[in-house]
Amino acid sequence: MTVKTVGLDLAKDVFQVHGISETGRKVFNKKIKRAKLLAFFETLPPCTVGMEACGSAHHWGRELRKLGHDVRLMPAAYVKPYVKRGKTDAADADAEAICEAVRRPSMRFVEIKSTDQQAFLAVHCSRDLVVRQRTQVVNMIRSVLREFGHVLPTGVEAVKRFSQSHMDGDQFDMPELANGILGTLCYQLLGLNARIEGYTLLIKQHALLDANCRRLTRIPGIGPITASAMVATIGDGSQFRTGRDLAAWLGLTPLNKSSGGKERLGKITKMGDRYLRKLLVVGMTSRALQARNHPERADRWTANILAQKPFRLATVAMANKSARVIWAVLSKGQQYRQPVA
């Protein structure tokens, strides 16, 4: 029997491989070491290989495509319903479930990212990690100062100025041990700030060199960081049929709880990529604040939604619309055009 579909359950060292024929009959179900995986697939005729979109999936997808196989990545949540009960290490059902799921005509697949896309996503992930670490250090500095009756103004910049002055010798009247701990925290904060500035500069340079990023930065509320993260994640957006599909993938569309002919829409789903959704909402928050402070600069749609909806609800709606505009700009390869008043 000739194998037509293969389910590959990814792991760190030992991979489970399940192959079936065109009629669905099992051809093999075996475990293969990492070092022998590519050699095994070289012996197979070109076939459909299904994998869950998890860690290292894009790497193996690129390698197997070089061998002539049709590789398809699927969200793990869509594969879960096909896993049978009674899963054990001796009879692993994940590879079999992947093999079953990849054959479904209604299955949704994930585009395999290029090495350049993953490289810049690594920059974004590193910057996001350092930003969260900076928030932790800022909160720790504030808490230590508050215990001795000192309160800093709101904002990261106020803590940054305090850290610089503390390192220069301008210290509060506190025990020597507390000032020593503060000095360590301030030194750490200044180092994190320098690292964030370096990552940000690298992302801005990438946005300037990439044509798709330059087109996206013309959209109001979309800066180089959001544009670079969007292009690195979805490429040209060809995996989405419409702009609403992209907005739904980002979790910016409302939950549909319709029943009995009555349509009920709830809160946004918050499914999909949290990082991209956060960048879009933050960017639209800045745009909404600018429109509220300078109404003469705001377009009509933004002014109307800010007047009719609560502020946070309006910013999420603006992020939803921006996701659709981003899809249109990327998929059609055109420049953003400001709506006519």
C-alpha atoms as a PDB file:
ATOM      1  CA  MET A   1       0.000   0.000   0.000  1.00  0.00           C
ATOM      2  CA  THR A   2       1.187   3.507  -0.832  1.00  0.00           C
ATOM      3  CA  VAL A   3       1.039   6.071   1.932  1.00  0.00           C
ATOM      4  CA  LYS A   4      -0.925   9.215   1.013  1.00  0.00           C
ATOM      5  CA  THR A   5      -1.361  11.037   4.337  1.00  0.00           C
ATOM      6  CA  VAL A   6       0.999  11.228   7.303  1.00  0.00           C
ATOM      7  CA  GLY A   7       0.265  12.606  10.766  1.00  0.00           C
ATOM      8  CA  LEU A   8       3.396  13.862  12.553  1.00  0.00           C
ATOM      9  CA  ASP A   9       3.235  14.450  16.303  1.00  0.00           C
ATOM     10  CA  LEU A  10       6.108  16.809  17.095  1.00  0.00           C
ATOM     11  CA  ALA A  11       8.288  16.429  20.181  1.00  0.00           C
ATOM     12  CA  LYS A  12      11.767  17.283  21.438  1.00  0.00           C
ATOM     13  CA  ASP A  13      13.508  14.047  20.532  1.00  0.00           C
ATOM     14  CA  VAL A  14      11.050  11.207  19.784  1.00  0.00           C
ATOM     15  CA  PHE A  15       8.392  11.833  17.101  1.00  0.00           C
ATOM     16  CA  GLN A  16       5.260   9.757  16.517  1.00  0.00           C
ATOM     17  CA  VAL A  17       4.457   9.168  12.835  1.00  0.00           C
ATOM     18  CA  HIS A  18       1.161   7.723  11.594  1.00  0.00           C
ATOM     19  CA  GLY A  19       0.649   7.002   7.880  1.00  0.00           C
ATOM     20  CA  ILE A  20      -2.482   5.907   6.023  1.00  0.00           C
ATOM     21  CA  SER A  21      -3.316   4.963   2.453  1.00  0.00           C
ATOM     22  CA  GLU A  22      -5.730   6.744   0.130  1.00  0.00           C
ATOM     23  CA  THR A  23      -8.595   4.584   1.443  1.00  0.00           C
ATOM     24  CA  GLY A  24      -7.760   5.442   5.064  1.00  0.00           C
ATOM     25  CA  ARG A  25      -6.143   2.132   5.969  1.00  0.00           C
ATOM     26  CA  LYS A  26      -3.177   2.298   8.365  1.00  0.00           C
ATOM     27  CA  VAL A  27       0.190   1.731   6.709  1.00  0.00           C
ATOM     28  CA  PHE A  28       2.491   2.406   9.666  1.00  0.00           C
ATOM     29  CA  ASN A  29       2.475   3.901  13.158  1.00  0.00           C
ATOM     30  CA  LYS A  30       5.942   4.223  14.619  1.00  0.00           C
ATOM     31  CA  LYS A  31       8.254   6.348  16.737  1.00  0.00           C
ATOM     32  CA  ILE A  32      11.273   7.968  15.120  1.00  0.00           C
ATOM     33  CA  LYS A  33      14.240   9.748  16.669  1.00  0.00           C
ATOM     34  CA  ARG A  34      14.857  13.359  15.722  1.00  0.00           C
ATOM     35  CA  ALA A  35      18.126  12.586  13.923  1.00  0.00           C
ATOM     36  CA  LYS A  36      16.411  10.027  11.655  1.00  0.00           C
ATOM     37  CA  LEU A  37      13.205  11.935  10.865  1.00  0.00           C
ATOM     38  CA  LEU A  38      14.265  13.581   7.588  1.00  0.00           C
ATOM     39  CA  ALA A  39      15.883  10.364   6.372  1.00  0.00           C
ATOM     40  CA  PHE A  40      12.589   8.556   6.987  1.00  0.00           C
ATOM     41  CA  PHE A  41      10.562  11.096   4.988  1.00  0.00           C
ATOM     42  CA  GLU A  42      13.086  10.906   2.141  1.00  0.00           C
ATOM     43  CA  THR A  43      12.042   7.278   1.646  1.00  0.00           C
ATOM     44  CA  LEU A  44       8.342   8.197   1.320  1.00  0.00           C
ATOM     45  CA  PRO A  45       6.670   9.295  -1.924  1.00  0.00           C
ATOM     46  CA  PRO A  46       5.286  12.879  -1.976  1.00  0.00           C
ATOM     47  CA  CYS A  47       2.318  12.893   0.381  1.00  0.00           C
ATOM     48  CA  THR A  48       0.272  15.162   2.635  1.00  0.00           C
ATOM     49  CA  VAL A  49       1.913  15.711   6.030  1.00  0.00           C
ATOM     50  CA  GLY A  50      -0.179  17.150   8.849  1.00  0.00           C
ATOM     51  CA  MET A  51       1.264  18.745  11.996  1.00  0.00           C
ATOM     52  CA  GLU A  52       0.041  20.854  14.875  1.00  0.00           C
ATOM     53  CA  ALA A  53       1.136  24.499  14.725  1.00  0.00           C
ATOM     54  CA  CYS A  54       3.354  24.385  17.810  1.00  0.00           C
ATOM     55  CA  GLY A  55       7.007  24.869  18.671  1.00  0.00           C
ATOM     56  CA  SER A  56       9.397  23.933  15.804  1.00  0.00           C
ATOM     57  CA  ALA A  57       6.452  23.200  13.469  1.00  0.00           C
ATOM     58  CA  HIS A  58       7.472  25.880  10.960  1.00  0.00           C
ATOM     59  CA  HIS A  59      11.037  24.561  10.872  1.00  0.00           C
ATOM     60  CA  TRP A  60       9.949  21.009  10.128  1.00  0.00           C
ATOM     61  CA  GLY A  61       7.376  22.284   7.658  1.00  0.00           C
ATOM     62  CA  ARG A  62      10.072  24.054   5.650  1.00  0.00           C
ATOM     63  CA  GLU A  63      12.359  21.010   5.733  1.00  0.00           C
ATOM     64  CA  LEU A  64       9.644  18.577   4.634  1.00  0.00           C
ATOM     65  CA  ARG A  65       8.535  20.894   1.833  1.00  0.00           C
ATOM     66  CA  LYS A  66      12.066  20.766   0.461  1.00  0.00           C
ATOM     67  CA  LEU A  67      11.572  16.986   0.151  1.00  0.00           C
ATOM     68  CA  GLY A  68       8.437  17.509  -1.980  1.00  0.00           C
ATOM     69  CA  HIS A  69       5.751  16.848   0.635  1.00  0.00           C
ATOM     70  CA  ASP A  70       2.567  18.901   1.000  1.00  0.00           C
ATOM     71  CA  VAL A  71       2.885  20.122   4.599  1.00  0.00           C
ATOM     72  CA  ARG A  72      -0.172  21.510   6.398  1.00  0.00           C
ATOM     73  CA  LEU A  73      -0.130  23.027   9.876  1.00  0.00           C
ATOM     74  CA  MET A  74      -3.279  23.083  12.001  1.00  0.00           C
ATOM     75  CA  PRO A  75      -4.144  24.817  15.281  1.00  0.00           C
ATOM     76  CA  ALA A  76      -3.879  22.340  18.138  1.00  0.00           C
ATOM     77  CA  ALA A  77      -7.402  23.221  19.312  1.00  0.00           C
ATOM     78  CA  TYR A  78      -8.823  22.011  15.975  1.00  0.00           C
ATOM     79  CA  VAL A  79      -7.006  18.679  16.249  1.00  0.00           C
ATOM     80  CA  LYS A  80      -8.103  17.944  19.827  1.00  0.00           C
ATOM     81  CA  PRO A  81     -11.651  16.731  18.925  1.00  0.00           C
ATOM     82  CA  TYR A  82     -10.140  13.905  16.862  1.00  0.00           C
ATOM     83  CA  VAL A  83      -8.064  12.475  19.753  1.00  0.00           C
ATOM     84  CA  LYS A  84      -9.543   9.205  21.030  1.00  0.00           C
ATOM     85  CA  ARG A  85      -9.824   8.387  24.699  1.00  0.00           C
ATOM     86  CA  GLY A  86      -7.365   6.098  26.403  1.00  0.00           C
ATOM     87  CA  LYS A  87      -4.235   7.801  25.095  1.00  0.00           C
ATOM     88  CA  THR A  88      -1.025   6.222  26.403  1.00  0.00           C
ATOM     89  CA  ASP A  89       2.632   6.389  25.452  1.00  0.00           C
ATOM     90  CA  ALA A  90       2.457   2.881  24.059  1.00  0.00           C
ATOM     91  CA  ALA A  91      -0.530   3.698  21.832  1.00  0.00           C
ATOM     92  CA  ASP A  92      -0.122   7.394  21.070  1.00  0.00           C
ATOM     93  CA  ALA A  93      -3.311   8.735  19.472  1.00  0.00           C
ATOM     94  CA  ASP A  94      -2.099  12.264  18.683  1.00  0.00           C
ATOM     95  CA  ALA A  95      -0.450  11.362  15.381  1.00  0.00           C
ATOM     96  CA  GLU A  96      -3.533   9.386  14.365  1.00  0.00           C
ATOM     97  CA  ALA A  97      -5.758  12.339  15.278  1.00  0.00           C
ATOM     98  CA  ILE A  98      -3.570  14.704  13.220  1.00  0.00           C
ATOM     99  CA  CYS A  99      -3.815  12.300  10.291  1.00  0.00           C
ATOM    100  CA  GLU A 100      -7.595  12.301  10.608  1.00  0.00           C
ATOM    101  CA  ALA A 101      -7.933  16.063  11.037  1.00  0.00           C
ATOM    102  CA  VAL A 102      -5.752  17.035   8.078  1.00  0.00           C
ATOM    103  CA  ARG A 103      -8.110  15.186   5.710  1.00  0.00           C
ATOM    104  CA  ARG A 104     -11.188  17.159   6.772  1.00  0.00           C
ATOM    105  CA  PRO A 105     -12.374  19.506   3.970  1.00  0.00           C
ATOM    106  CA  SER A 106     -13.452  22.156   6.495  1.00  0.00           C
ATOM    107  CA  MET A 107     -10.127  22.211   8.378  1.00  0.00           C
ATOM    108  CA  ARG A 108      -8.330  25.549   8.704  1.00  0.00           C
ATOM    109  CA  PHE A 109      -4.594  25.632   8.187  1.00  0.00           C
ATOM    110  CA  VAL A 110      -1.701  27.853   9.264  1.00  0.00           C
ATOM    111  CA  GLU A 111       0.724  29.278   6.728  1.00  0.00           C
ATOM    112  CA  ILE A 112       4.343  28.162   7.203  1.00  0.00           C
ATOM    113  CA  LYS A 113       6.536  31.126   8.122  1.00  0.00           C
ATOM    114  CA  SER A 114       9.831  31.871   6.419  1.00  0.00           C
ATOM    115  CA  THR A 115      13.104  32.088   8.317  1.00  0.00           C
ATOM    116  CA  ASP A 116      13.095  35.900   7.982  1.00  0.00           C
ATOM    117  CA  GLN A 117       9.611  36.105   9.485  1.00  0.00           C
ATOM    118  CA  GLN A 118      10.608  33.971  12.446  1.00  0.00           C
ATOM    119  CA  ALA A 119      13.808  35.956  12.930  1.00  0.00           C
ATOM    120  CA  PHE A 120      11.942  39.237  13.343  1.00  0.00           C
ATOM    121  CA  LEU A 121       9.280  37.586  15.466  1.00  0.00           C
ATOM    122  CA  ALA A 122      12.150  36.595  17.770  1.00  0.00           C
ATOM    123  CA  VAL A 123      13.093  40.286  18.012  1.00  0.00           C
ATOM    124  CA  HIS A 124       9.507  41.209  18.874  1.00  0.00           C
ATOM    125  CA  CYS A 125       9.246  38.438  21.482  1.00  0.00           C
ATOM    126  CA  SER A 126      12.528  39.533  23.065  1.00  0.00           C
ATOM    127  CA  ARG A 127      11.423  43.161  23.204  1.00  0.00           C
ATOM    128  CA  ASP A 128       8.064  42.196  24.710  1.00  0.00           C
ATOM    129  CA  LEU A 129       9.841  40.111  27.354  1.00  0.00           C
ATOM    130  CA  VAL A 130      12.159  43.000  28.309  1.00  0.00           C
ATOM    131  CA  VAL A 131       9.210  45.426  28.481  1.00  0.00           C
ATOM    132  CA  ARG A 132       7.441  43.105  30.932  1.00  0.00           C
ATOM    133  CA  GLN A 133      10.623  42.761  32.977  1.00  0.00           C
ATOM    134  CA  ARG A 134      10.938  46.550  33.087  1.00  0.00           C
ATOM    135  CA  THR A 135       7.384  46.810  34.412  1.00  0.00           C
ATOM    136  CA  GLN A 136       8.243  44.372  37.198  1.00  0.00           C
ATOM    137  CA  VAL A 137      11.385  46.310  38.152  1.00  0.00           C
ATOM    138  CA  VAL A 138       9.494  49.643  38.094  1.00  0.00           C
ATOM    139  CA  ASN A 139       6.824  48.236  40.401  1.00  0.00           C
ATOM    140  CA  MET A 140       9.504  46.904  42.746  1.00  0.00           C
ATOM    141  CA  ILE A 141      11.248  50.289  42.927  1.00  0.00           C
ATOM    142  CA  ARG A 142       7.962  52.026  43.685  1.00  0.00           C
ATOM    143  CA  SER A 143       7.076  49.514  46.404  1.00  0.00           C
ATOM    144  CA  VAL A 144      10.460  49.868  48.137  1.00  0.00           C
ATOM    145  CA  LEU A 145      10.203  53.673  48.110  1.00  0.00           C
ATOM    146  CA  ARG A 146       6.625  53.599  49.343  1.00  0.00           C
ATOM    147  CA  GLU A 147       7.652  51.590  52.410  1.00  0.00           C
ATOM    148  CA  PHE A 148       9.829  54.555  53.434  1.00  0.00           C
ATOM    149  CA  GLY A 149       7.248  57.220  52.624  1.00  0.00           C
ATOM    150  CA  HIS A 150       8.468  58.259  49.165  1.00  0.00           C
ATOM    151  CA  VAL A 151       6.043  58.287  46.228  1.00  0.00           C
ATOM    152  CA  LEU A 152       7.147  58.901  42.642  1.00  0.00           C
ATOM    153  CA  PRO A 153       4.955  60.502  39.945  1.00  0.00           C
ATOM    154  CA  THR A 154       3.108  58.186  37.581  1.00  0.00           C
ATOM    155  CA  GLY A 155       4.793  56.942  34.427  1.00  0.00           C
ATOM    156  CA  VAL A 156       7.935  55.015  33.564  1.00  0.00           C
ATOM    157  CA  GLU A 157       9.864  58.188  32.764  1.00  0.00           C
ATOM    158  CA  ALA A 158       9.556  59.404  36.373  1.00  0.00           C
ATOM    159  CA  VAL A 159      11.092  56.160  37.653  1.00  0.00           C
ATOM    160  CA  LYS A 160      13.768  56.368  34.973  1.00  0.00           C
ATOM    161  CA  ARG A 161      14.728  59.902  36.079  1.00  0.00           C
ATOM    162  CA  PHE A 162      14.828  58.774  39.705  1.00  0.00           C
ATOM    163  CA  SER A 163      17.033  55.815  38.797  1.00  0.00           C
ATOM    164  CA  GLN A 164      19.510  58.028  36.985  1.00  0.00           C
ATOM    165  CA  SER A 165      19.680  60.515  39.862  1.00  0.00           C
ATOM    166  CA  HIS A 166      20.030  57.689  42.384  1.00  0.00           C
ATOM    167  CA  MET A 167      22.942  56.250  40.434  1.00  0.00           C
ATOM    168  CA  ASP A 168      24.521  59.727  40.346  1.00  0.00           C
ATOM    169  CA  GLY A 169      24.494  59.858  44.169  1.00  0.00           C
ATOM    170  CA  ASP A 170      21.280  61.800  44.863  1.00  0.00           C
ATOM    171  CA  GLN A 171      19.738  59.361  47.346  1.00  0.00           C
ATOM    172  CA  PHE A 172      16.835  59.591  49.770  1.00  0.00           C
ATOM    173  CA  ASP A 173      17.261  59.529  53.559  1.00  0.00           C
ATOM    174  CA  MET A 174      16.907  55.772  53.941  1.00  0.00           C
ATOM    175  CA  PRO A 175      18.889  52.969  55.578  1.00  0.00           C
ATOM    176  CA  GLU A 176      22.077  52.114  53.765  1.00  0.00           C
ATOM    177  CA  LEU A 177      20.868  48.596  53.023  1.00  0.00           C
ATOM    178  CA  ALA A 178      17.661  49.890  51.378  1.00  0.00           C
ATOM    179  CA  ASN A 179      19.634  52.387  49.294  1.00  0.00           C
ATOM    180  CA  GLY A 180      21.917  49.570  48.209  1.00  0.00           C
ATOM    181  CA  ILE A 181      18.977  47.441  47.065  1.00  0.00           C
ATOM    182  CA  LEU A 182      17.534  50.465  45.253  1.00  0.00           C
ATOM    183  CA  GLY A 183      20.851  51.003  43.515  1.00  0.00           C
ATOM    184  CA  THR A 184      20.788  47.439  42.194  1.00  0.00           C
ATOM    185  CA  LEU A 185      17.215  47.852  40.948  1.00  0.00           C
ATOM    186  CA  CYS A 186      17.982  51.232  39.351  1.00  0.00           C
ATOM    187  CA  TYR A 187      21.010  49.796  37.558  1.00  0.00           C
ATOM    188  CA  GLN A 188      18.861  46.951  36.274  1.00  0.00           C
ATOM    189  CA  LEU A 189      16.148  49.353  35.089  1.00  0.00           C
ATOM    190  CA  LEU A 190      18.589  51.522  33.148  1.00  0.00           C
ATOM    191  CA  GLY A 191      20.005  48.422  31.472  1.00  0.00           C
ATOM    192  CA  LEU A 192      16.526  47.216  30.493  1.00  0.00           C
ATOM    193  CA  ASN A 193      15.704  50.641  29.039  1.00  0.00           C
ATOM    194  CA  ALA A 194      18.841  50.554  26.908  1.00  0.00           C
ATOM    195  CA  ARG A 195      17.940  47.070  25.690  1.00  0.00           C
ATOM    196  CA  ILE A 196      14.388  48.153  24.778  1.00  0.00           C
ATOM    197  CA  GLU A 197      15.754  51.118  22.818  1.00  0.00           C
ATOM    198  CA  GLY A 198      18.078  48.786  20.907  1.00  0.00           C
ATOM    199  CA  TYR A 199      15.274  46.365  20.007  1.00  0.00           C
ATOM    200  CA  THR A 200      13.017  49.267  19.006  1.00  0.00           C
ATOM    201  CA  LEU A 201      15.673  50.735  16.731  1.00  0.00           C
ATOM    202  CA  LEU A 202      16.188  47.351  15.074  1.00  0.00           C
ATOM    203  CA  ILE A 203      12.430  46.974  14.456  1.00  0.00           C
ATOM    204  CA  LYS A 204      12.168  50.496  13.010  1.00  0.00           C
ATOM    205  CA  GLN A 205      15.026  49.788  10.605  1.00  0.00           C
ATOM    206  CA  HIS A 206      13.255  46.619   9.461  1.00  0.00           C
ATOM    207  CA  ALA A 207      10.025  48.562   8.937  1.00  0.00           C
ATOM    208  CA  LEU A 208      11.840  51.119   6.792  1.00  0.00           C
ATOM    209  CA  LEU A 209      13.426  48.463   4.573  1.00  0.00           C
ATOM    210  CA  ASP A 210      10.279  46.360   4.029  1.00  0.00           C
ATOM    211  CA  ALA A 211       7.765  47.606   1.426  1.00  0.00           C
ATOM    212  CA  ASN A 212       4.750  46.034   3.177  1.00  0.00           C
ATOM    213  CA  CYS A 213       5.717  47.657   6.480  1.00  0.00           C
ATOM    214  CA  ARG A 214       6.054  51.044   4.821  1.00  0.00           C
ATOM    215  CA  ARG A 215       2.551  50.713   3.393  1.00  0.00           C
ATOM    216  CA  LEU A 216       1.101  49.766   6.770  1.00  0.00           C
ATOM    217  CA  THR A 217       2.709  52.703   8.588  1.00  0.00           C
ATOM    218  CA  ARG A 218       0.622  55.052   6.430  1.00  0.00           C
ATOM    219  CA  ILE A 219      -2.499  53.793   8.242  1.00  0.00           C
ATOM    220  CA  PRO A 220      -3.434  56.086  11.167  1.00  0.00           C
ATOM    221  CA  GLY A 221      -2.533  54.472  14.497  1.00  0.00           C
ATOM    222  CA  ILE A 222      -0.156  51.911  12.955  1.00  0.00           C
ATOM    223  CA  GLY A 223       3.487  52.508  13.823  1.00  0.00           C
ATOM    224  CA  PRO A 224       6.634  50.654  12.750  1.00  0.00           C
ATOM    225  CA  ILE A 225       6.428  48.158  15.631  1.00  0.00           C
ATOM    226  CA  THR A 226       2.842  47.130  14.818  1.00  0.00           C
ATOM    227  CA  ALA A 227       3.575  47.056  11.079  1.00  0.00           C
ATOM    228  CA  SER A 228       6.696  44.911  11.513  1.00  0.00           C
ATOM    229  CA  ALA A 229       4.943  42.468  13.864  1.00  0.00           C
ATOM    230  CA  MET A 230       1.971  42.150  11.505  1.00  0.00           C
ATOM    231  CA  VAL A 231       4.097  41.464   8.416  1.00  0.00           C
ATOM    232  CA  ALA A 232       6.334  39.031  10.323  1.00  0.00           C
ATOM    233  CA  THR A 233       3.271  37.106  11.521  1.00  0.00           C
ATOM    234  CA  ILE A 234       0.875  37.001   8.555  1.00  0.00           C
ATOM    235  CA  GLY A 235       3.094  37.926   5.605  1.00  0.00           C
ATOM    236  CA  ASP A 236       0.911  39.201   2.780  1.00  0.00           C
ATOM    237  CA  GLY A 237      -2.312  37.997   4.457  1.00  0.00           C
ATOM    238  CA  SER A 238      -3.104  35.535   1.653  1.00  0.00           C
ATOM    239  CA  GLN A 239      -4.206  32.868   4.164  1.00  0.00           C
ATOM    240  CA  PHE A 240      -7.271  34.972   5.036  1.00  0.00           C
ATOM    241  CA  ARG A 241     -10.160  35.229   2.570  1.00  0.00           C
ATOM    242  CA  THR A 242     -11.467  38.554   3.888  1.00  0.00           C
ATOM    243  CA  GLY A 243     -10.491  41.299   6.295  1.00  0.00           C
ATOM    244  CA  ARG A 244     -13.070  40.029   8.754  1.00  0.00           C
ATOM    245  CA  ASP A 245     -11.285  36.660   8.848  1.00  0.00           C
ATOM    246  CA  LEU A 246      -8.126  38.451   9.995  1.00  0.00           C
ATOM    247  CA  ALA A 247     -10.074  40.436  12.604  1.00  0.00           C
ATOM    248  CA  ALA A 248     -11.694  37.226  13.849  1.00  0.00           C
ATOM    249  CA  TRP A 249      -8.310  35.474  13.996  1.00  0.00           C
ATOM    250  CA  LEU A 250      -7.023  38.339  16.144  1.00  0.00           C
ATOM    251  CA  GLY A 251     -10.007  37.971  18.498  1.00  0.00           C
ATOM    252  CA  LEU A 252     -11.431  41.413  17.714  1.00  0.00           C
ATOM    253  CA  THR A 253     -14.875  40.259  16.561  1.00  0.00           C
ATOM    254  CA  PRO A 254     -17.807  39.788  18.997  1.00  0.00           C
ATOM    255  CA  LEU A 255     -19.026  36.409  20.155  1.00  0.00           C
ATOM    256  CA  ASN A 256     -22.131  35.310  18.279  1.00  0.00           C
ATOM    257  CA  LYS A 257     -24.744  33.806  20.610  1.00  0.00           C
ATOM    258  CA  SER A 258     -27.630  33.797  18.129  1.00  0.00           C
ATOM    259  CA  SER A 259     -30.452  31.298  18.626  1.00  0.00           C
ATOM    260  CA  GLY A 260     -34.039  30.961  17.463  1.00  0.00           C
ATOM    261  CA  GLY A 261     -33.662  33.634  14.814  1.00  0.00           C
ATOM    262  CA  LYS A 262     -32.496  36.219  17.344  1.00  0.00           C
ATOM    263  CA  GLU A 263     -29.020  37.608  16.904  1.00  0.00           C
ATOM    264  CA  ARG A 264     -27.090  38.253  20.110  1.00  0.00           C
ATOM    265  CA  LEU A 265     -23.557  39.582  19.968  1.00  0.00           C
ATOM    266  CA  GLY A 266     -21.375  39.467  23.078  1.00  0.00           C
ATOM    267  CA  LYS A 267     -17.877  40.592  23.985  1.00  0.00           C
ATOM    268  CA  ILE A 268     -14.906  40.118  21.686  1.00  0.00           C
ATOM    269  CA  THR A 269     -13.552  36.571  21.579  1.00  0.00           C
ATOM    270  CA  LYS A 270      -9.935  37.475  22.518  1.00  0.00           C
ATOM    271  CA  MET A 271      -8.802  34.431  20.556  1.00  0.00           C
ATOM    272  CA  GLY A 272      -5.691  34.362  18.397  1.00  0.00           C
ATOM    273  CA  ASP A 273      -2.465  36.321  18.701  1.00  0.00           C
ATOM    274  CA  ARG A 274      -2.469  38.337  21.941  1.00  0.00           C
ATOM    275  CA  TYR A 275       0.607  40.350  20.985  1.00  0.00           C
ATOM    276  CA  LEU A 276      -0.840  41.657  17.723  1.00  0.00           C
ATOM    277  CA  ARG A 277      -4.189  42.392  19.358  1.00  0.00           C
ATOM    278  CA  LYS A 278      -2.458  44.361  22.110  1.00  0.00           C
ATOM    279  CA  LEU A 279      -0.438  46.396  19.611  1.00  0.00           C
ATOM    280  CA  LEU A 280      -3.542  47.257  17.592  1.00  0.00           C
ATOM    281  CA  VAL A 281      -5.582  48.284  20.641  1.00  0.00           C
ATOM    282  CA  VAL A 282      -2.720  50.372  22.046  1.00  0.00           C
ATOM    283  CA  GLY A 283      -2.228  52.076  18.689  1.00  0.00           C
ATOM    284  CA  MET A 284      -5.932  52.838  18.357  1.00  0.00           C
ATOM    285  CA  THR A 285      -5.989  54.144  21.936  1.00  0.00           C
ATOM    286  CA  SER A 286      -3.307  56.660  20.993  1.00  0.00           C
ATOM    287  CA  ARG A 287      -5.292  57.594  17.887  1.00  0.00           C
ATOM    288  CA  ALA A 288      -8.499  58.004  19.901  1.00  0.00           C
ATOM    289  CA  LEU A 289      -6.764  60.207  22.488  1.00  0.00           C
ATOM    290  CA  GLN A 290      -5.419  62.407  19.717  1.00  0.00           C
ATOM    291  CA  ALA A 291      -8.888  62.659  18.164  1.00  0.00           C
ATOM    292  CA  ARG A 292     -10.432  63.547  21.518  1.00  0.00           C
ATOM    293  CA  ASN A 293      -7.828  66.208  22.294  1.00  0.00           C
ATOM    294  CA  HIS A 294      -7.783  67.610  18.739  1.00  0.00           C
ATOM    295  CA  PRO A 295     -11.257  67.065  17.202  1.00  0.00           C
ATOM    296  CA  GLU A 296     -10.352  69.113  14.134  1.00  0.00           C
ATOM    297  CA  ARG A 297      -7.813  66.431  13.092  1.00  0.00           C
ATOM    298  CA  ALA A 298     -10.152  63.443  13.499  1.00  0.00           C
ATOM    299  CA  ASP A 299     -11.952  61.837  10.567  1.00  0.00           C
ATOM    300  CA  ARG A 300     -15.725  61.613  10.645  1.00  0.00           C
ATOM    301  CA  TRP A 301     -15.971  57.885  11.421  1.00  0.00           C
ATOM    302  CA  THR A 302     -13.584  58.146  14.389  1.00  0.00           C
ATOM    303  CA  ALA A 303     -15.372  61.217  15.749  1.00  0.00           C
ATOM    304  CA  ASN A 304     -18.773  59.507  15.471  1.00  0.00           C
ATOM    305  CA  ILE A 305     -17.748  56.283  17.195  1.00  0.00           C
ATOM    306  CA  LEU A 306     -16.040  58.168  20.030  1.00  0.00           C
ATOM    307  CA  ALA A 307     -19.224  60.198  20.516  1.00  0.00           C
ATOM    308  CA  GLN A 308     -21.542  57.172  20.475  1.00  0.00           C
ATOM    309  CA  LYS A 309     -19.566  54.501  22.327  1.00  0.00           C
ATOM    310  CA  PRO A 310     -17.609  54.262  25.602  1.00  0.00           C
ATOM    311  CA  PHE A 311     -13.939  55.037  25.090  1.00  0.00           C
ATOM    312  CA  ARG A 312     -12.572  51.490  25.475  1.00  0.00           C
ATOM    313  CA  LEU A 313     -15.331  50.010  23.332  1.00  0.00           C
ATOM    314  CA  ALA A 314     -14.550  52.588  20.658  1.00  0.00           C
ATOM    315  CA  THR A 315     -10.829  51.770  20.639  1.00  0.00           C
ATOM    316  CA  VAL A 316     -11.532  48.042  20.195  1.00  0.00           C
ATOM    317  CA  ALA A 317     -13.902  48.824  17.327  1.00  0.00           C
ATOM    318  CA  MET A 318     -11.201  50.987  15.757  1.00  0.00           C
ATOM    319  CA  ALA A 319      -8.715  48.109  16.142  1.00  0.00           C
ATOM    320  CA  ASN A 320     -11.223  45.794  14.423  1.00  0.00           C
ATOM    321  CA  LYS A 321     -11.530  48.163  11.476  1.00  0.00           C
ATOM    322  CA  SER A 322      -7.758  48.671  11.308  1.00  0.00           C
ATOM    323  CA  ALA A 323      -7.247  44.901  11.049  1.00  0.00           C
ATOM    324  CA  ARG A 324      -9.529  44.846   8.013  1.00  0.00           C
ATOM    325  CA  VAL A 325      -7.688  47.786   6.452  1.00  0.00           C
ATOM    326  CA  ILE A 326      -4.359  46.024   7.081  1.00  0.00           C
ATOM    327  CA  TRP A 327      -5.605  42.925   5.259  1.00  0.00           C
ATOM    328  CA  ALA A 328      -6.753  45.007   2.295  1.00  0.00           C
ATOM    329  CA  VAL A 329      -3.424  46.847   2.055  1.00  0.00           C
ATOM    330  CA  LEU A 330      -1.341  43.642   2.296  1.00  0.00           C
ATOM    331  CA  SER A 331      -3.451  41.354   0.111  1.00  0.00           C
ATOM    332  CA  LYS A 332      -3.967  43.902  -2.696  1.00  0.00           C
ATOM    333  CA  GLY A 333      -0.498  45.442  -2.503  1.00  0.00           C
ATOM    334  CA  GLN A 334      -1.909  48.972  -2.616  1.00  0.00           C
ATOM    335  CA  GLN A 335      -1.256  52.146  -0.650  1.00  0.00           C
ATOM    336  CA  TYR A 336      -3.638  53.234   2.096  1.00  0.00           C
ATOM    337  CA  ARG A 337      -6.074  55.883   0.940  1.00  0.00           C
ATOM    338  CA  GLN A 338      -7.597  58.271   3.464  1.00  0.00           C
ATOM    339  CA  PRO A 339     -11.444  58.097   3.322  1.00  0.00           C
ATOM    340  CA  VAL A 340     -13.061  61.058   1.630  1.00  0.00           C
ATOM    341  CA  ALA A 341     -15.013  63.235   4.078  1.00  0.00           C
END
